[in-house]
Amino acid sequence: MAVWWLDIARFSDTVGYHGDQNQRIFPYRDYVIESFKTNKRFDQFMI
């Protein structure tokens, strides 16, 4: 279920070239996964 949110984060944080693989989205990834695990409310998730 978290794949959609993680794809949004990855593609919005890139310029589309091969040289931008050093993106550091792991804090966001961990937040998204933990939010789904704990069934966080959507309004709280978006804040």
N, C-alpha and C. Protein backbone atom coordinates (compact mmCIF):
# COMPACT_ATOMS: atom_id res chain seq x y z
N MET A 1 0.81 -1.20 0.00
CA MET A 1 0.00 0.00 0.00
C MET A 1 0.85 1.26 0.00
N ALA A 2 2.04 1.18 0.52
CA ALA A 2 2.89 2.37 0.63
C ALA A 2 3.64 2.69 -0.67
N VAL A 3 3.60 1.80 -1.63
CA VAL A 3 4.37 1.99 -2.86
C VAL A 3 4.00 3.28 -3.58
N TRP A 4 2.71 3.61 -3.64
CA TRP A 4 2.28 4.83 -4.33
C TRP A 4 2.93 6.06 -3.70
N TRP A 5 2.93 6.13 -2.36
CA TRP A 5 3.50 7.28 -1.68
C TRP A 5 5.01 7.33 -1.87
N LEU A 6 5.65 6.19 -1.88
CA LEU A 6 7.10 6.17 -2.04
C LEU A 6 7.50 6.54 -3.47
N ASP A 7 6.71 6.12 -4.45
CA ASP A 7 6.97 6.53 -5.83
C ASP A 7 6.83 8.04 -5.99
N ILE A 8 5.85 8.62 -5.36
CA ILE A 8 5.66 10.07 -5.43
C ILE A 8 6.88 10.78 -4.87
N ALA A 9 7.36 10.30 -3.74
CA ALA A 9 8.53 10.92 -3.11
C ALA A 9 9.76 10.78 -3.99
N ARG A 10 9.96 9.65 -4.58
CA ARG A 10 11.15 9.41 -5.41
C ARG A 10 11.11 10.27 -6.67
N PHE A 11 10.00 10.30 -7.35
CA PHE A 11 9.93 11.02 -8.62
C PHE A 11 9.83 12.53 -8.43
N SER A 12 9.33 12.98 -7.30
CA SER A 12 9.27 14.42 -7.08
C SER A 12 10.61 14.96 -6.59
N ASP A 13 11.51 14.09 -6.18
CA ASP A 13 12.80 14.50 -5.65
C ASP A 13 13.93 14.18 -6.63
N THR A 14 13.62 14.16 -7.92
CA THR A 14 14.62 13.83 -8.93
C THR A 14 14.53 14.81 -10.09
N VAL A 15 15.62 14.92 -10.81
CA VAL A 15 15.61 15.75 -12.02
C VAL A 15 15.54 14.88 -13.27
N GLY A 16 15.50 13.56 -13.07
CA GLY A 16 15.32 12.64 -14.19
C GLY A 16 16.60 12.20 -14.86
N TYR A 17 17.74 12.44 -14.26
CA TYR A 17 19.00 12.03 -14.87
C TYR A 17 19.64 10.92 -14.06
N HIS A 18 20.62 10.25 -14.65
CA HIS A 18 21.31 9.16 -13.96
C HIS A 18 22.16 9.66 -12.81
N GLY A 19 22.52 10.91 -12.79
CA GLY A 19 23.39 11.44 -11.75
C GLY A 19 22.69 11.80 -10.46
N ASP A 20 21.41 11.57 -10.35
CA ASP A 20 20.71 11.98 -9.13
C ASP A 20 20.27 10.77 -8.28
N GLN A 21 21.04 9.68 -8.30
CA GLN A 21 20.69 8.52 -7.49
C GLN A 21 21.01 8.71 -6.01
N ASN A 22 21.65 9.75 -5.63
CA ASN A 22 22.04 9.95 -4.24
C ASN A 22 20.96 10.62 -3.42
N GLN A 23 19.72 10.44 -3.81
CA GLN A 23 18.62 11.03 -3.05
C GLN A 23 18.48 10.32 -1.72
N ARG A 24 18.20 11.06 -0.69
CA ARG A 24 18.09 10.51 0.66
C ARG A 24 16.63 10.57 1.12
N ILE A 25 15.82 9.64 0.63
CA ILE A 25 14.41 9.64 1.01
C ILE A 25 14.11 8.59 2.08
N PHE A 26 15.14 7.96 2.63
CA PHE A 26 14.87 6.89 3.60
C PHE A 26 14.13 7.36 4.84
N PRO A 27 14.31 8.60 5.35
CA PRO A 27 13.48 9.00 6.49
C PRO A 27 12.00 9.05 6.11
N TYR A 28 11.69 9.52 4.91
CA TYR A 28 10.31 9.55 4.45
C TYR A 28 9.77 8.14 4.26
N ARG A 29 10.59 7.27 3.68
CA ARG A 29 10.19 5.87 3.47
C ARG A 29 9.83 5.22 4.81
N ASP A 30 10.67 5.41 5.81
CA ASP A 30 10.42 4.84 7.12
C ASP A 30 9.14 5.40 7.73
N TYR A 31 8.91 6.69 7.56
CA TYR A 31 7.70 7.33 8.07
C TYR A 31 6.45 6.74 7.41
N VAL A 32 6.49 6.58 6.10
CA VAL A 32 5.34 6.06 5.37
C VAL A 32 5.04 4.62 5.81
N ILE A 33 6.06 3.80 5.88
CA ILE A 33 5.85 2.40 6.26
C ILE A 33 5.32 2.31 7.69
N GLU A 34 5.90 3.05 8.60
CA GLU A 34 5.44 3.03 9.99
C GLU A 34 4.00 3.55 10.11
N SER A 35 3.65 4.55 9.31
CA SER A 35 2.28 5.08 9.32
C SER A 35 1.28 4.03 8.89
N PHE A 36 1.61 3.26 7.87
CA PHE A 36 0.72 2.20 7.44
C PHE A 36 0.64 1.08 8.47
N LYS A 37 1.75 0.76 9.09
CA LYS A 37 1.76 -0.30 10.11
C LYS A 37 0.88 0.05 11.30
N THR A 38 0.92 1.31 11.72
CA THR A 38 0.18 1.73 12.91
C THR A 38 -1.22 2.26 12.58
N ASN A 39 -1.58 2.19 11.29
CA ASN A 39 -2.90 2.64 10.84
C ASN A 39 -3.15 4.10 11.22
N LYS A 40 -2.17 4.93 10.95
CA LYS A 40 -2.29 6.37 11.25
C LYS A 40 -3.39 6.99 10.40
N ARG A 41 -4.16 7.86 11.01
CA ARG A 41 -5.22 8.54 10.28
C ARG A 41 -4.62 9.37 9.15
N PHE A 42 -5.38 9.50 8.05
CA PHE A 42 -4.88 10.19 6.87
C PHE A 42 -4.55 11.66 7.16
N ASP A 43 -5.40 12.34 7.92
CA ASP A 43 -5.14 13.74 8.19
C ASP A 43 -3.86 13.91 9.03
N GLN A 44 -3.59 12.98 9.92
CA GLN A 44 -2.35 13.03 10.70
C GLN A 44 -1.14 12.65 9.84
N PHE A 45 -1.33 11.72 8.95
CA PHE A 45 -0.26 11.31 8.05
C PHE A 45 0.19 12.47 7.16
N MET A 46 -0.75 13.24 6.67
CA MET A 46 -0.42 14.33 5.75
C MET A 46 0.28 15.50 6.45
N ILE A 47 0.09 15.63 7.74
CA ILE A 47 0.75 16.72 8.47
C ILE A 47 2.21 16.41 8.59
